[in-house]
Amino acid sequence: MSPDRIAASRYRVDKFIVPQAAMADFSDAVLRTHEVLRRQPGFVRDFVLEQVSGPGEFNVVTFVEWANEHAIAGAVEAVRRFHLSAGIDGKALAERLGVQGDIGIYAARA
């Protein structure tokens, strides 16, 4: 990977505390959303990770690499439209399922 690409890339990292009883419903919504993300311009790669060991409180982490910060805005809009058409209200879903999240956009350190 070239240094220019590394410098331009942006990484959305979402960390969640998901109660075990809510895992199936939450995972379904995440996977459907990532299907939309994978079709967006500027998408590079993604991972949906579930904790298998360790003391951390976050048991689901999603990671999406974007070619640059401009790609994120289009992806956010595409997900908004998808959620609207699918009847998914992310905040209401998280509240109903008891999911807590921490969301951020990151860049590689020089």
PDB file of N, CA and C in Angstrom:
ATOM      1  N   MET A   1       0.851  -1.165   0.000  1.00  0.00           N
ATOM      2  CA  MET A   1       0.000   0.000   0.000  1.00  0.00           C
ATOM      3  C   MET A   1       0.903   1.236   0.000  1.00  0.00           C
ATOM      4  N   SER A   2       0.616   2.187  -0.882  1.00  0.00           N
ATOM      5  CA  SER A   2       1.464   3.371  -1.012  1.00  0.00           C
ATOM      6  C   SER A   2       1.261   4.314   0.176  1.00  0.00           C
ATOM      7  N   PRO A   3       2.319   5.088   0.506  1.00  0.00           N
ATOM      8  CA  PRO A   3       2.180   6.061   1.601  1.00  0.00           C
ATOM      9  C   PRO A   3       1.067   7.074   1.347  1.00  0.00           C
ATOM     10  N   ASP A   4       0.866   7.473   0.074  1.00  0.00           N
ATOM     11  CA  ASP A   4      -0.209   8.423  -0.238  1.00  0.00           C
ATOM     12  C   ASP A   4      -1.577   7.828   0.053  1.00  0.00           C
ATOM     13  N   ARG A   5      -1.745   6.552  -0.286  1.00  0.00           N
ATOM     14  CA  ARG A   5      -3.036   5.908  -0.028  1.00  0.00           C
ATOM     15  C   ARG A   5      -3.276   5.792   1.470  1.00  0.00           C
ATOM     16  N   ILE A   6      -2.240   5.432   2.200  1.00  0.00           N
ATOM     17  CA  ILE A   6      -2.386   5.318   3.650  1.00  0.00           C
ATOM     18  C   ILE A   6      -2.776   6.665   4.248  1.00  0.00           C
ATOM     19  N   ALA A   7      -2.139   7.734   3.788  1.00  0.00           N
ATOM     20  CA  ALA A   7      -2.427   9.071   4.319  1.00  0.00           C
ATOM     21  C   ALA A   7      -3.845   9.516   3.980  1.00  0.00           C
ATOM     22  N   ALA A   8      -4.342   9.151   2.807  1.00  0.00           N
ATOM     23  CA  ALA A   8      -5.679   9.575   2.381  1.00  0.00           C
ATOM     24  C   ALA A   8      -6.792   8.741   3.000  1.00  0.00           C
ATOM     25  N   SER A   9      -6.515   7.488   3.294  1.00  0.00           N
ATOM     26  CA  SER A   9      -7.557   6.587   3.795  1.00  0.00           C
ATOM     27  C   SER A   9      -8.153   7.082   5.106  1.00  0.00           C
ATOM     28  N   ARG A  10      -9.433   6.793   5.255  1.00  0.00           N
ATOM     29  CA  ARG A  10     -10.133   7.055   6.506  1.00  0.00           C
ATOM     30  C   ARG A  10     -10.772   5.753   6.948  1.00  0.00           C
ATOM     31  N   TYR A  11     -10.832   5.565   8.251  1.00  0.00           N
ATOM     32  CA  TYR A  11     -11.302   4.315   8.827  1.00  0.00           C
ATOM     33  C   TYR A  11     -12.443   4.614   9.790  1.00  0.00           C
ATOM     34  N   ARG A  12     -13.578   4.034   9.520  1.00  0.00           N
ATOM     35  CA  ARG A  12     -14.689   4.148  10.467  1.00  0.00           C
ATOM     36  C   ARG A  12     -14.631   2.909  11.345  1.00  0.00           C
ATOM     37  N   VAL A  13     -14.513   3.142  12.639  1.00  0.00           N
ATOM     38  CA  VAL A  13     -14.436   2.062  13.614  1.00  0.00           C
ATOM     39  C   VAL A  13     -15.576   2.261  14.605  1.00  0.00           C
ATOM     40  N   ASP A  14     -16.475   1.297  14.634  1.00  0.00           N
ATOM     41  CA  ASP A  14     -17.609   1.328  15.552  1.00  0.00           C
ATOM     42  C   ASP A  14     -17.453   0.177  16.536  1.00  0.00           C
ATOM     43  N   LYS A  15     -17.566   0.498  17.819  1.00  0.00           N
ATOM     44  CA  LYS A  15     -17.438  -0.517  18.864  1.00  0.00           C
ATOM     45  C   LYS A  15     -18.763  -0.581  19.620  1.00  0.00           C
ATOM     46  N   PHE A  16     -19.211  -1.795  19.878  1.00  0.00           N
ATOM     47  CA  PHE A  16     -20.524  -1.971  20.497  1.00  0.00           C
ATOM     48  C   PHE A  16     -20.467  -2.945  21.668  1.00  0.00           C
ATOM     49  N   ILE A  17     -21.301  -2.663  22.654  1.00  0.00           N
ATOM     50  CA  ILE A  17     -21.599  -3.619  23.719  1.00  0.00           C
ATOM     51  C   ILE A  17     -22.988  -4.146  23.385  1.00  0.00           C
ATOM     52  N   VAL A  18     -23.054  -5.423  23.017  1.00  0.00           N
ATOM     53  CA  VAL A  18     -24.309  -6.027  22.564  1.00  0.00           C
ATOM     54  C   VAL A  18     -24.690  -7.154  23.524  1.00  0.00           C
ATOM     55  N   PRO A  19     -25.845  -7.043  24.187  1.00  0.00           N
ATOM     56  CA  PRO A  19     -26.294  -8.151  25.030  1.00  0.00           C
ATOM     57  C   PRO A  19     -26.450  -9.424  24.185  1.00  0.00           C
ATOM     58  N   GLN A  20     -26.096 -10.545  24.743  1.00  0.00           N
ATOM     59  CA  GLN A  20     -26.150 -11.804  23.994  1.00  0.00           C
ATOM     60  C   GLN A  20     -27.540 -12.069  23.417  1.00  0.00           C
ATOM     61  N   ALA A  21     -28.583 -11.733  24.164  1.00  0.00           N
ATOM     62  CA  ALA A  21     -29.951 -11.970  23.686  1.00  0.00           C
ATOM     63  C   ALA A  21     -30.292 -11.124  22.460  1.00  0.00           C
ATOM     64  N   ALA A  22     -29.554 -10.043  22.239  1.00  0.00           N
ATOM     65  CA  ALA A  22     -29.824  -9.146  21.112  1.00  0.00           C
ATOM     66  C   ALA A  22     -28.900  -9.390  19.924  1.00  0.00           C
ATOM     67  N   MET A  23     -27.952 -10.310  20.064  1.00  0.00           N
ATOM     68  CA  MET A  23     -26.905 -10.482  19.058  1.00  0.00           C
ATOM     69  C   MET A  23     -27.460 -10.806  17.669  1.00  0.00           C
ATOM     70  N   ALA A  24     -28.438 -11.674  17.557  1.00  0.00           N
ATOM     71  CA  ALA A  24     -28.956 -12.064  16.237  1.00  0.00           C
ATOM     72  C   ALA A  24     -29.594 -10.874  15.522  1.00  0.00           C
ATOM     73  N   ASP A  25     -30.461 -10.136  16.214  1.00  0.00           N
ATOM     74  CA  ASP A  25     -31.115  -8.979  15.593  1.00  0.00           C
ATOM     75  C   ASP A  25     -30.106  -7.894  15.240  1.00  0.00           C
ATOM     76  N   PHE A  26     -29.180  -7.639  16.140  1.00  0.00           N
ATOM     77  CA  PHE A  26     -28.166  -6.618  15.897  1.00  0.00           C
ATOM     78  C   PHE A  26     -27.269  -7.018  14.727  1.00  0.00           C
ATOM     79  N   SER A  27     -26.817  -8.252  14.715  1.00  0.00           N
ATOM     80  CA  SER A  27     -25.943  -8.734  13.639  1.00  0.00           C
ATOM     81  C   SER A  27     -26.625  -8.645  12.286  1.00  0.00           C
ATOM     82  N   ASP A  28     -27.906  -8.958  12.231  1.00  0.00           N
ATOM     83  CA  ASP A  28     -28.647  -8.868  10.975  1.00  0.00           C
ATOM     84  C   ASP A  28     -28.641  -7.433  10.446  1.00  0.00           C
ATOM     85  N   ALA A  29     -28.911  -6.468  11.313  1.00  0.00           N
ATOM     86  CA  ALA A  29     -28.924  -5.065  10.891  1.00  0.00           C
ATOM     87  C   ALA A  29     -27.538  -4.612  10.442  1.00  0.00           C
ATOM     88  N   VAL A  30     -26.508  -5.022  11.158  1.00  0.00           N
ATOM     89  CA  VAL A  30     -25.136  -4.644  10.790  1.00  0.00           C
ATOM     90  C   VAL A  30     -24.753  -5.248   9.445  1.00  0.00           C
ATOM     91  N   LEU A  31     -25.036  -6.518   9.251  1.00  0.00           N
ATOM     92  CA  LEU A  31     -24.654  -7.171   7.993  1.00  0.00           C
ATOM     93  C   LEU A  31     -25.401  -6.574   6.808  1.00  0.00           C
ATOM     94  N   ARG A  32     -26.670  -6.259   6.977  1.00  0.00           N
ATOM     95  CA  ARG A  32     -27.440  -5.626   5.891  1.00  0.00           C
ATOM     96  C   ARG A  32     -26.873  -4.246   5.565  1.00  0.00           C
ATOM     97  N   THR A  33     -26.483  -3.514   6.589  1.00  0.00           N
ATOM     98  CA  THR A  33     -25.890  -2.193   6.377  1.00  0.00           C
ATOM     99  C   THR A  33     -24.548  -2.307   5.662  1.00  0.00           C
ATOM    100  N   HIS A  34     -23.741  -3.288   6.037  1.00  0.00           N
ATOM    101  CA  HIS A  34     -22.431  -3.456   5.395  1.00  0.00           C
ATOM    102  C   HIS A  34     -22.566  -3.892   3.938  1.00  0.00           C
ATOM    103  N   GLU A  35     -23.633  -4.579   3.604  1.00  0.00           N
ATOM    104  CA  GLU A  35     -23.873  -4.905   2.191  1.00  0.00           C
ATOM    105  C   GLU A  35     -24.028  -3.626   1.374  1.00  0.00           C
ATOM    106  N   VAL A  36     -24.682  -2.630   1.943  1.00  0.00           N
ATOM    107  CA  VAL A  36     -24.836  -1.336   1.276  1.00  0.00           C
ATOM    108  C   VAL A  36     -23.480  -0.633   1.189  1.00  0.00           C
ATOM    109  N   LEU A  37     -22.743  -0.624   2.280  1.00  0.00           N
ATOM    110  CA  LEU A  37     -21.443   0.050   2.296  1.00  0.00           C
ATOM    111  C   LEU A  37     -20.499  -0.503   1.237  1.00  0.00           C
ATOM    112  N   ARG A  38     -20.505  -1.808   1.066  1.00  0.00           N
ATOM    113  CA  ARG A  38     -19.577  -2.449   0.120  1.00  0.00           C
ATOM    114  C   ARG A  38     -19.812  -2.024  -1.328  1.00  0.00           C
ATOM    115  N   ARG A  39     -20.973  -1.497  -1.627  1.00  0.00           N
ATOM    116  CA  ARG A  39     -21.298  -1.073  -2.995  1.00  0.00           C
ATOM    117  C   ARG A  39     -21.009   0.407  -3.241  1.00  0.00           C
ATOM    118  N   GLN A  40     -20.491   1.109  -2.252  1.00  0.00           N
ATOM    119  CA  GLN A  40     -20.312   2.554  -2.384  1.00  0.00           C
ATOM    120  C   GLN A  40     -18.953   2.917  -2.982  1.00  0.00           C
ATOM    121  N   PRO A  41     -18.916   4.007  -3.771  1.00  0.00           N
ATOM    122  CA  PRO A  41     -17.638   4.486  -4.305  1.00  0.00           C
ATOM    123  C   PRO A  41     -16.679   4.815  -3.161  1.00  0.00           C
ATOM    124  N   GLY A  42     -15.439   4.429  -3.307  1.00  0.00           N
ATOM    125  CA  GLY A  42     -14.435   4.708  -2.294  1.00  0.00           C
ATOM    126  C   GLY A  42     -14.311   3.647  -1.224  1.00  0.00           C
ATOM    127  N   PHE A  43     -15.199   2.644  -1.244  1.00  0.00           N
ATOM    128  CA  PHE A  43     -15.096   1.542  -0.279  1.00  0.00           C
ATOM    129  C   PHE A  43     -13.830   0.755  -0.579  1.00  0.00           C
ATOM    130  N   VAL A  44     -13.056   0.430   0.455  1.00  0.00           N
ATOM    131  CA  VAL A  44     -11.840  -0.368   0.289  1.00  0.00           C
ATOM    132  C   VAL A  44     -12.029  -1.755   0.879  1.00  0.00           C
ATOM    133  N   ARG A  45     -12.394  -1.829   2.145  1.00  0.00           N
ATOM    134  CA  ARG A  45     -12.595  -3.129   2.800  1.00  0.00           C
ATOM    135  C   ARG A  45     -13.326  -2.920   4.119  1.00  0.00           C
ATOM    136  N   ASP A  46     -13.839  -4.027   4.635  1.00  0.00           N
ATOM    137  CA  ASP A  46     -14.509  -3.959   5.927  1.00  0.00           C
ATOM    138  C   ASP A  46     -14.355  -5.262   6.682  1.00  0.00           C
ATOM    139  N   PHE A  47     -14.595  -5.160   7.968  1.00  0.00           N
ATOM    140  CA  PHE A  47     -14.608  -6.320   8.854  1.00  0.00           C
ATOM    141  C   PHE A  47     -15.724  -6.110   9.868  1.00  0.00           C
ATOM    142  N   VAL A  48     -16.404  -7.188  10.211  1.00  0.00           N
ATOM    143  CA  VAL A  48     -17.332  -7.196  11.333  1.00  0.00           C
ATOM    144  C   VAL A  48     -16.769  -8.242  12.283  1.00  0.00           C
ATOM    145  N   LEU A  49     -16.320  -7.790  13.433  1.00  0.00           N
ATOM    146  CA  LEU A  49     -15.594  -8.649  14.364  1.00  0.00           C
ATOM    147  C   LEU A  49     -16.401  -8.868  15.638  1.00  0.00           C
ATOM    148  N   GLU A  50     -16.360 -10.107  16.130  1.00  0.00           N
ATOM    149  CA  GLU A  50     -16.995 -10.428  17.405  1.00  0.00           C
ATOM    150  C   GLU A  50     -15.917 -10.897  18.371  1.00  0.00           C
ATOM    151  N   GLN A  51     -15.914 -10.343  19.559  1.00  0.00           N
ATOM    152  CA  GLN A  51     -14.906 -10.678  20.563  1.00  0.00           C
ATOM    153  C   GLN A  51     -15.012 -12.148  20.951  1.00  0.00           C
ATOM    154  N   VAL A  52     -13.869 -12.826  20.972  1.00  0.00           N
ATOM    155  CA  VAL A  52     -13.842 -14.236  21.362  1.00  0.00           C
ATOM    156  C   VAL A  52     -13.073 -14.453  22.662  1.00  0.00           C
ATOM    157  N   SER A  53     -12.289 -13.467  23.084  1.00  0.00           N
ATOM    158  CA  SER A  53     -11.613 -13.562  24.373  1.00  0.00           C
ATOM    159  C   SER A  53     -11.096 -12.185  24.759  1.00  0.00           C
ATOM    160  N   GLY A  54     -10.671 -12.071  26.002  1.00  0.00           N
ATOM    161  CA  GLY A  54     -10.111 -10.821  26.489  1.00  0.00           C
ATOM    162  C   GLY A  54     -11.068 -10.076  27.394  1.00  0.00           C
ATOM    163  N   PRO A  55     -10.537  -9.116  28.151  1.00  0.00           N
ATOM    164  CA  PRO A  55     -11.336  -8.421  29.153  1.00  0.00           C
ATOM    165  C   PRO A  55     -12.119  -7.216  28.632  1.00  0.00           C
ATOM    166  N   GLY A  56     -11.979  -6.863  27.377  1.00  0.00           N
ATOM    167  CA  GLY A  56     -12.640  -5.665  26.849  1.00  0.00           C
ATOM    168  C   GLY A  56     -14.149  -5.729  26.962  1.00  0.00           C
ATOM    169  N   GLU A  57     -14.772  -4.552  27.119  1.00  0.00           N
ATOM    170  CA  GLU A  57     -16.224  -4.511  27.262  1.00  0.00           C
ATOM    171  C   GLU A  57     -16.952  -4.531  25.928  1.00  0.00           C
ATOM    172  N   PHE A  58     -16.283  -4.115  24.847  1.00  0.00           N
ATOM    173  CA  PHE A  58     -16.927  -4.094  23.532  1.00  0.00           C
ATOM    174  C   PHE A  58     -16.849  -5.482  22.916  1.00  0.00           C
ATOM    175  N   ASN A  59     -18.004  -6.062  22.578  1.00  0.00           N
ATOM    176  CA  ASN A  59     -17.990  -7.423  22.044  1.00  0.00           C
ATOM    177  C   ASN A  59     -18.236  -7.492  20.545  1.00  0.00           C
ATOM    178  N   VAL A  60     -18.563  -6.368  19.909  1.00  0.00           N
ATOM    179  CA  VAL A  60     -18.668  -6.311  18.449  1.00  0.00           C
ATOM    180  C   VAL A  60     -17.950  -5.042  17.991  1.00  0.00           C
ATOM    181  N   VAL A  61     -17.087  -5.192  16.999  1.00  0.00           N
ATOM    182  CA  VAL A  61     -16.378  -4.052  16.421  1.00  0.00           C
ATOM    183  C   VAL A  61     -16.527  -4.137  14.910  1.00  0.00           C
ATOM    184  N   THR A  62     -16.916  -3.022  14.298  1.00  0.00           N
ATOM    185  CA  THR A  62     -16.963  -2.973  12.841  1.00  0.00           C
ATOM    186  C   THR A  62     -15.898  -1.998  12.370  1.00  0.00           C
ATOM    187  N   PHE A  63     -15.307  -2.327  11.235  1.00  0.00           N
ATOM    188  CA  PHE A  63     -14.195  -1.560  10.678  1.00  0.00           C
ATOM    189  C   PHE A  63     -14.455  -1.405   9.187  1.00  0.00           C
ATOM    190  N   VAL A  64     -14.458  -0.177   8.706  1.00  0.00           N
ATOM    191  CA  VAL A  64     -14.607   0.065   7.272  1.00  0.00           C
ATOM    192  C   VAL A  64     -13.513   1.031   6.842  1.00  0.00           C
ATOM    193  N   GLU A  65     -12.753   0.630   5.829  1.00  0.00           N
ATOM    194  CA  GLU A  65     -11.735   1.514   5.265  1.00  0.00           C
ATOM    195  C   GLU A  65     -12.308   2.183   4.022  1.00  0.00           C
ATOM    196  N   TRP A  66     -12.136   3.508   3.968  1.00  0.00           N
ATOM    197  CA  TRP A  66     -12.566   4.318   2.826  1.00  0.00           C
ATOM    198  C   TRP A  66     -11.346   4.921   2.159  1.00  0.00           C
ATOM    199  N   ALA A  67     -11.402   5.098   0.848  1.00  0.00           N
ATOM    200  CA  ALA A  67     -10.273   5.632   0.088  1.00  0.00           C
ATOM    201  C   ALA A  67      -9.901   7.040   0.543  1.00  0.00           C
ATOM    202  N   ASN A  68     -10.888   7.818   0.968  1.00  0.00           N
ATOM    203  CA  ASN A  68     -10.631   9.182   1.432  1.00  0.00           C
ATOM    204  C   ASN A  68     -11.855   9.679   2.195  1.00  0.00           C
ATOM    205  N   GLU A  69     -11.705  10.846   2.780  1.00  0.00           N
ATOM    206  CA  GLU A  69     -12.803  11.367   3.605  1.00  0.00           C
ATOM    207  C   GLU A  69     -14.041  11.710   2.790  1.00  0.00           C
ATOM    208  N   HIS A  70     -13.873  12.037   1.514  1.00  0.00           N
ATOM    209  CA  HIS A  70     -15.021  12.388   0.675  1.00  0.00           C
ATOM    210  C   HIS A  70     -15.944  11.191   0.439  1.00  0.00           C
ATOM    211  N   ALA A  71     -15.392   9.995   0.427  1.00  0.00           N
ATOM    212  CA  ALA A  71     -16.203   8.796   0.208  1.00  0.00           C
ATOM    213  C   ALA A  71     -17.176   8.558   1.360  1.00  0.00           C
ATOM    214  N   ILE A  72     -16.823   9.012   2.531  1.00  0.00           N
ATOM    215  CA  ILE A  72     -17.655   8.760   3.708  1.00  0.00           C
ATOM    216  C   ILE A  72     -19.009   9.456   3.598  1.00  0.00           C
ATOM    217  N   ALA A  73     -19.018  10.691   3.113  1.00  0.00           N
ATOM    218  CA  ALA A  73     -20.281  11.440   3.022  1.00  0.00           C
ATOM    219  C   ALA A  73     -21.292  10.723   2.134  1.00  0.00           C
ATOM    220  N   GLY A  74     -20.843  10.221   0.994  1.00  0.00           N
ATOM    221  CA  GLY A  74     -21.743   9.486   0.111  1.00  0.00           C
ATOM    222  C   GLY A  74     -22.246   8.208   0.748  1.00  0.00           C
ATOM    223  N   ALA A  75     -21.372   7.538   1.477  1.00  0.00           N
ATOM    224  CA  ALA A  75     -21.764   6.296   2.143  1.00  0.00           C
ATOM    225  C   ALA A  75     -22.786   6.563   3.243  1.00  0.00           C
ATOM    226  N   VAL A  76     -22.586   7.630   3.988  1.00  0.00           N
ATOM    227  CA  VAL A  76     -23.537   7.988   5.047  1.00  0.00           C
ATOM    228  C   VAL A  76     -24.922   8.222   4.450  1.00  0.00           C
ATOM    229  N   GLU A  77     -24.968   8.921   3.332  1.00  0.00           N
ATOM    230  CA  GLU A  77     -26.256   9.187   2.678  1.00  0.00           C
ATOM    231  C   GLU A  77     -26.880   7.895   2.148  1.00  0.00           C
ATOM    232  N   ALA A  78     -26.071   7.009   1.567  1.00  0.00           N
ATOM    233  CA  ALA A  78     -26.591   5.734   1.054  1.00  0.00           C
ATOM    234  C   ALA A  78     -27.171   4.890   2.187  1.00  0.00           C
ATOM    235  N   VAL A  79     -26.499   4.865   3.318  1.00  0.00           N
ATOM    236  CA  VAL A  79     -27.001   4.103   4.467  1.00  0.00           C
ATOM    237  C   VAL A  79     -28.278   4.746   5.001  1.00  0.00           C
ATOM    238  N   ARG A  80     -28.321   6.078   5.041  1.00  0.00           N
ATOM    239  CA  ARG A  80     -29.534   6.759   5.498  1.00  0.00           C
ATOM    240  C   ARG A  80     -30.726   6.366   4.627  1.00  0.00           C
ATOM    241  N   ARG A  81     -30.524   6.380   3.309  1.00  0.00           N
ATOM    242  CA  ARG A  81     -31.610   6.007   2.391  1.00  0.00           C
ATOM    243  C   ARG A  81     -32.002   4.542   2.574  1.00  0.00           C
ATOM    244  N   PHE A  82     -31.009   3.666   2.723  1.00  0.00           N
ATOM    245  CA  PHE A  82     -31.301   2.245   2.932  1.00  0.00           C
ATOM    246  C   PHE A  82     -32.096   2.043   4.220  1.00  0.00           C
ATOM    247  N   HIS A  83     -31.637   2.639   5.305  1.00  0.00           N
ATOM    248  CA  HIS A  83     -32.337   2.482   6.582  1.00  0.00           C
ATOM    249  C   HIS A  83     -33.766   2.999   6.483  1.00  0.00           C
ATOM    250  N   LEU A  84     -33.949   4.119   5.809  1.00  0.00           N
ATOM    251  CA  LEU A  84     -35.293   4.668   5.628  1.00  0.00           C
ATOM    252  C   LEU A  84     -36.177   3.690   4.857  1.00  0.00           C
ATOM    253  N   SER A  85     -35.664   3.139   3.760  1.00  0.00           N
ATOM    254  CA  SER A  85     -36.465   2.213   2.938  1.00  0.00           C
ATOM    255  C   SER A  85     -36.711   0.881   3.642  1.00  0.00           C
ATOM    256  N   ALA A  86     -35.777   0.470   4.504  1.00  0.00           N
ATOM    257  CA  ALA A  86     -35.908  -0.810   5.206  1.00  0.00           C
ATOM    258  C   ALA A  86     -36.618  -0.669   6.551  1.00  0.00           C
ATOM    259  N   GLY A  87     -36.950   0.557   6.929  1.00  0.00           N
ATOM    260  CA  GLY A  87     -37.617   0.768   8.207  1.00  0.00           C
ATOM    261  C   GLY A  87     -36.705   0.569   9.402  1.00  0.00           C
ATOM    262  N   ILE A  88     -35.418   0.830   9.220  1.00  0.00           N
ATOM    263  CA  ILE A  88     -34.455   0.674  10.313  1.00  0.00           C
ATOM    264  C   ILE A  88     -34.173   2.047  10.915  1.00  0.00           C
ATOM    265  N   ASP A  89     -34.433   2.180  12.203  1.00  0.00           N
ATOM    266  CA  ASP A  89     -34.077   3.382  12.956  1.00  0.00           C
ATOM    267  C   ASP A  89     -32.965   2.952  13.904  1.00  0.00           C
ATOM    268  N   GLY A  90     -31.725   3.297  13.551  1.00  0.00           N
ATOM    269  CA  GLY A  90     -30.569   2.816  14.307  1.00  0.00           C
ATOM    270  C   GLY A  90     -30.614   3.146  15.783  1.00  0.00           C
ATOM    271  N   LYS A  91     -30.990   4.373  16.114  1.00  0.00           N
ATOM    272  CA  LYS A  91     -31.044   4.769  17.523  1.00  0.00           C
ATOM    273  C   LYS A  91     -32.124   3.999  18.268  1.00  0.00           C
ATOM    274  N   ALA A  92     -33.291   3.866  17.650  1.00  0.00           N
ATOM    275  CA  ALA A  92     -34.383   3.127  18.293  1.00  0.00           C
ATOM    276  C   ALA A  92     -34.026   1.651  18.429  1.00  0.00           C
ATOM    277  N   LEU A  93     -33.375   1.092  17.410  1.00  0.00           N
ATOM    278  CA  LEU A  93     -32.968  -0.315  17.463  1.00  0.00           C
ATOM    279  C   LEU A  93     -31.981  -0.539  18.602  1.00  0.00           C
ATOM    280  N   ALA A  94     -30.981   0.329  18.708  1.00  0.00           N
ATOM    281  CA  ALA A  94     -29.988   0.191  19.774  1.00  0.00           C
ATOM    282  C   ALA A  94     -30.648   0.291  21.145  1.00  0.00           C
ATOM    283  N   GLU A  95     -31.561   1.225  21.283  1.00  0.00           N
ATOM    284  CA  GLU A  95     -32.254   1.385  22.563  1.00  0.00           C
ATOM    285  C   GLU A  95     -33.095   0.153  22.888  1.00  0.00           C
ATOM    286  N   ARG A  96     -33.847  -0.331  21.899  1.00  0.00           N
ATOM    287  CA  ARG A  96     -34.705  -1.506  22.119  1.00  0.00           C
ATOM    288  C   ARG A  96     -33.884  -2.735  22.486  1.00  0.00           C
ATOM    289  N   LEU A  97     -32.716  -2.894  21.845  1.00  0.00           N
ATOM    290  CA  LEU A  97     -31.882  -4.075  22.074  1.00  0.00           C
ATOM    291  C   LEU A  97     -30.923  -3.912  23.253  1.00  0.00           C
ATOM    292  N   GLY A  98     -30.815  -2.709  23.786  1.00  0.00           N
ATOM    293  CA  GLY A  98     -29.884  -2.469  24.888  1.00  0.00           C
ATOM    294  C   GLY A  98     -28.437  -2.406  24.437  1.00  0.00           C
ATOM    295  N   VAL A  99     -28.214  -1.965  23.204  1.00  0.00           N
ATOM    296  CA  VAL A  99     -26.865  -1.882  22.635  1.00  0.00           C
ATOM    297  C   VAL A  99     -26.278  -0.507  22.928  1.00  0.00           C
ATOM    298  N   GLN A 100     -25.018  -0.500  23.358  1.00  0.00           N
ATOM    299  CA  GLN A 100     -24.280   0.746  23.554  1.00  0.00           C
ATOM    300  C   GLN A 100     -23.175   0.805  22.509  1.00  0.00           C
ATOM    301  N   GLY A 101     -22.928   1.990  21.963  1.00  0.00           N
ATOM    302  CA  GLY A 101     -21.922   2.103  20.918  1.00  0.00           C
ATOM    303  C   GLY A 101     -20.975   3.264  21.106  1.00  0.00           C
ATOM    304  N   ASP A 102     -19.822   3.139  20.472  1.00  0.00           N
ATOM    305  CA  ASP A 102     -18.809   4.181  20.413  1.00  0.00           C
ATOM    306  C   ASP A 102     -18.338   4.218  18.967  1.00  0.00           C
ATOM    307  N   ILE A 103     -18.520   5.359  18.300  1.00  0.00           N
ATOM    308  CA  ILE A 103     -18.304   5.436  16.860  1.00  0.00           C
ATOM    309  C   ILE A 103     -17.304   6.538  16.557  1.00  0.00           C
ATOM    310  N   GLY A 104     -16.382   6.265  15.620  1.00  0.00           N
ATOM    311  CA  GLY A 104     -15.420   7.294  15.254  1.00  0.00           C
ATOM    312  C   GLY A 104     -14.811   7.068  13.888  1.00  0.00           C
ATOM    313  N   ILE A 105     -14.289   8.165  13.317  1.00  0.00           N
ATOM    314  CA  ILE A 105     -13.548   8.126  12.059  1.00  0.00           C
ATOM    315  C   ILE A 105     -12.083   8.350  12.414  1.00  0.00           C
ATOM    316  N   TYR A 106     -11.211   7.531  11.859  1.00  0.00           N
ATOM    317  CA  TYR A 106      -9.792   7.576  12.185  1.00  0.00           C
ATOM    318  C   TYR A 106      -8.951   7.712  10.924  1.00  0.00           C
ATOM    319  N   ALA A 107      -7.743   8.252  11.102  1.00  0.00           N
ATOM    320  CA  ALA A 107      -6.739   8.308  10.041  1.00  0.00           C
ATOM    321  C   ALA A 107      -5.475   7.652  10.577  1.00  0.00           C
ATOM    322  N   ALA A 108      -4.655   7.131   9.674  1.00  0.00           N
ATOM    323  CA  ALA A 108      -3.395   6.513  10.085  1.00  0.00           C
ATOM    324  C   ALA A 108      -2.447   7.591  10.602  1.00  0.00           C
ATOM    325  N   ARG A 109      -1.720   7.271  11.636  1.00  0.00           N
ATOM    326  CA  ARG A 109      -0.710   8.198  12.152  1.00  0.00           C
ATOM    327  C   ARG A 109       0.509   8.143  11.261  1.00  0.00           C
ATOM    328  N   ALA A 110       1.147   9.274  11.102  1.00  0.00           N
ATOM    329  CA  ALA A 110       2.344   9.347  10.248  1.00  0.00           C
ATOM    330  C   ALA A 110       3.510   8.626  10.879  1.00  0.00           C
TER     331      ALA A 110
END
